[in-house]
Protein backbone atom coordinates (compact mmCIF):
# COMPACT_ATOMS: atom_id res chain seq x y z
CA MET A 1 -8.92 9.04 -8.49
CA ALA A 2 -12.37 9.54 -7.06
CA VAL A 3 -12.79 5.77 -6.70
CA PHE A 4 -9.46 5.33 -4.87
CA LEU A 5 -9.81 8.49 -2.78
CA GLY A 6 -13.44 7.72 -2.13
CA ALA A 7 -12.49 4.33 -0.72
CA SER A 8 -9.79 5.83 1.47
CA VAL A 9 -11.83 8.85 2.57
CA ALA A 10 -14.65 6.53 3.58
CA CYS A 11 -12.09 4.76 5.71
CA SER A 12 -10.62 8.14 6.98
CA GLY A 13 11.57 -3.11 -13.69
CA PHE A 14 7.89 -4.27 -14.18
CA LEU A 15 7.96 -7.81 -12.72
CA PHE A 16 11.24 -8.17 -10.85
CA GLY A 17 13.59 -5.46 -9.75
CA ALA A 18 13.30 -1.81 -9.02
CA GLU A 19 12.21 0.90 -11.36
CA PRO A 20 14.88 3.41 -12.34
CA GLU A 21 15.33 6.14 -9.77
CA LYS A 22 12.62 8.77 -9.96
CA GLU A 23 13.82 12.34 -9.57
CA GLY A 24 15.54 11.93 -6.23
CA HIS A 25 12.50 11.19 -4.03
CA VAL A 26 13.28 8.41 -1.59
CA ASN A 27 11.03 6.87 1.05
CA HIS A 28 11.69 4.44 3.90
CA LEU A 29 11.89 1.40 1.58
CA VAL A 30 15.21 2.46 0.03
CA ASN A 31 17.29 0.18 2.30
CA GLU A 32 15.10 -2.91 1.98
CA THR A 33 16.33 -6.05 0.22
CA SER A 34 13.07 -7.19 -1.41
CA PRO A 35 12.96 -6.36 -5.15
CA TYR A 36 9.23 -5.68 -4.75
CA LEU A 37 9.73 -3.19 -1.90
CA LEU A 38 12.65 -1.57 -3.72
CA SER A 39 10.42 -1.04 -6.75
CA HIS A 40 8.34 1.27 -4.51
CA ALA A 41 11.31 3.07 -2.87
CA HIS A 42 10.97 6.10 -5.14
CA ASN A 43 7.17 6.42 -5.09
CA PRO A 44 5.96 9.76 -3.76
CA VAL A 45 4.00 7.77 -1.15
CA ASP A 46 6.02 7.87 2.07
CA TRP A 47 6.11 4.08 2.41
CA TYR A 48 7.42 2.41 5.55
CA PRO A 49 8.40 -1.24 5.72
CA TRP A 50 6.53 -3.46 8.19
CA GLY A 51 8.04 -2.71 11.59
CA ASP A 52 8.04 -0.79 14.84
CA ALA A 53 8.88 2.61 13.31
CA ALA A 54 5.68 2.74 11.26
CA PHE A 55 3.44 1.60 14.10
CA ALA A 56 5.06 4.01 16.56
CA LYS A 57 4.50 6.89 14.11
CA ALA A 58 0.82 5.94 13.70
CA LYS A 59 0.30 5.87 17.46
CA LYS A 60 2.25 9.06 18.12
CA GLU A 61 0.41 11.01 15.40
CA ASN A 62 -2.92 9.20 15.97
CA LYS A 63 -3.11 8.39 12.25
CA LEU A 64 -4.82 5.53 10.51
CA ILE A 65 -2.58 3.06 8.70
CA PHE A 66 -2.84 2.21 5.00
CA LEU A 67 -1.31 -1.25 4.54
CA SER A 68 -0.56 -2.38 0.99
CA ILE A 69 0.51 -6.00 0.46
CA GLY A 70 1.70 -7.32 -2.89
CA TYR A 71 4.45 -9.24 -4.64
CA SER A 72 6.79 -8.94 -7.62
CA SER A 73 4.92 -11.06 -10.16
CA CYS A 74 1.48 -9.59 -9.37
CA HIS A 75 0.22 -7.76 -12.46
CA TRP A 76 -2.42 -5.70 -10.62
CA CYS A 77 0.10 -4.72 -7.93
CA HIS A 78 2.14 -2.99 -10.63
CA VAL A 79 -0.94 -1.46 -12.24
CA MET A 80 -1.99 0.03 -8.90
CA GLU A 81 1.53 1.35 -8.37
CA ARG A 82 1.49 3.14 -11.74
CA GLU A 83 -2.08 4.44 -11.40
CA SER A 84 -2.11 5.36 -7.72
CA PHE A 85 1.20 5.23 -5.88
CA GLU A 86 3.12 7.19 -8.53
CA ASP A 87 0.34 9.81 -8.69
CA LYS A 88 1.40 12.87 -6.69
CA GLU A 89 -2.16 13.92 -5.80
CA ILE A 90 -3.00 10.48 -4.41
CA ALA A 91 0.38 10.22 -2.67
CA ASP A 92 -0.11 13.62 -1.03
CA PHE A 93 -3.53 12.52 0.25
CA LEU A 94 -2.18 9.23 1.60
CA ASN A 95 0.82 10.92 3.20
CA LYS A 96 -1.37 13.53 4.90
CA HIS A 97 -3.98 11.15 6.31
CA TYR A 98 -2.21 7.81 6.83
CA VAL A 99 0.99 6.11 7.82
CA CYS A 100 1.59 3.98 4.73
CA ILE A 101 3.13 0.52 5.04
CA LYS A 102 4.19 -1.66 2.11
CA VAL A 103 4.67 -5.43 2.57
CA ASP A 104 6.07 -8.05 0.19
CA ARG A 105 3.88 -11.10 0.82
CA GLU A 106 6.70 -13.39 -0.33
CA GLU A 107 8.96 -12.04 2.45
CA ARG A 108 6.22 -11.80 5.09
CA PRO A 109 3.68 -14.58 4.46
CA ASP A 110 2.74 -14.35 8.15
CA VAL A 111 1.58 -10.74 7.75
CA ASP A 112 -0.16 -11.55 4.47
CA GLN A 113 -2.04 -14.47 6.02
CA VAL A 114 -3.34 -12.45 8.99
CA TYR A 115 -4.56 -9.51 6.91
CA MET A 116 -5.95 -11.63 4.05
CA ALA A 117 -8.08 -13.46 6.62
CA ALA A 118 -9.27 -10.11 8.01
CA VAL A 119 -10.12 -8.69 4.57
CA GLN A 120 -12.00 -11.87 3.66
CA VAL A 121 -14.05 -11.70 6.87
CA LEU A 122 -14.74 -7.97 6.39
CA THR A 123 -15.52 -8.02 2.65
CA GLN A 124 -16.11 -11.66 1.62
CA ARG A 125 -13.34 -11.13 -0.97
CA GLY A 126 -9.58 -11.17 -1.16
CA GLY A 127 -6.74 -10.79 -3.61
CA TRP A 128 -3.69 -8.77 -4.47
CA PRO A 129 -2.75 -6.07 -4.28
CA MET A 130 -4.31 -6.15 -0.84
CA SER A 131 -5.22 -2.76 0.61
CA VAL A 132 -6.09 -2.74 4.30
CA PHE A 133 -7.06 0.19 6.48
CA LEU A 134 -6.03 -0.13 10.13
CA THR A 135 -6.59 1.85 13.30
CA PRO A 136 -3.48 3.46 14.85
CA ASP A 137 -3.22 0.37 17.09
CA SER A 138 -3.14 -1.94 14.03
CA LYS A 139 -6.70 -3.27 14.02
CA PRO A 140 -8.11 -3.75 10.50
CA PHE A 141 -11.53 -2.21 9.87
CA THR A 142 -11.89 -2.46 6.09
CA GLY A 143 -9.94 -3.38 3.02
CA GLY A 144 -10.02 -4.70 -0.47
CA SER A 145 -7.90 -5.55 -3.45
CA TYR A 146 -7.18 -3.37 -6.47
CA PHE A 147 -8.76 0.09 -6.27
CA PRO A 148 -8.81 2.08 -9.54
CA ALA A 149 -7.28 5.52 -9.18
CA ARG A 150 -9.78 7.38 -11.34
CA ASP A 151 -13.46 7.14 -12.20
CA GLY A 152 -13.83 4.98 -15.28
CA ASP A 153 -10.73 2.87 -14.59
CA ARG A 154 -11.73 -0.76 -14.61
CA ARG A 155 -9.92 -3.93 -13.69
CA GLY A 156 -9.76 -6.54 -16.40
């Protein structure tokens, strides 16, 4: 978790279909149609879909935005969900400090393209899951791909 939280503090159905319902928690993705977004509808992270409500909340509360972009057949997107977005401690941290937005790149290739270009300019790298940190007025200032949730977790 230190790696994932460290990255975010510095910034201050496996493949297709939803997971079974998780103990009644529901976030703002529950009414979406994307199988990828629905698979995150019961995460403890208070995910919002891409849209005006999330951006209005960020501006009103003067909170940074954590934007996570992925897709259904992305292995590392599902790994990051299990390691980070289903972890209550990480979810509590994200919910306290950020407005969290989840995007399915297959439904919103326009959003994916804009933020992938930004992450590549900022970090000289890109990939999925894409994690982008934005100002309350939606300007990206850093990002990356898969972030391990705990020290010692390694991709690959």
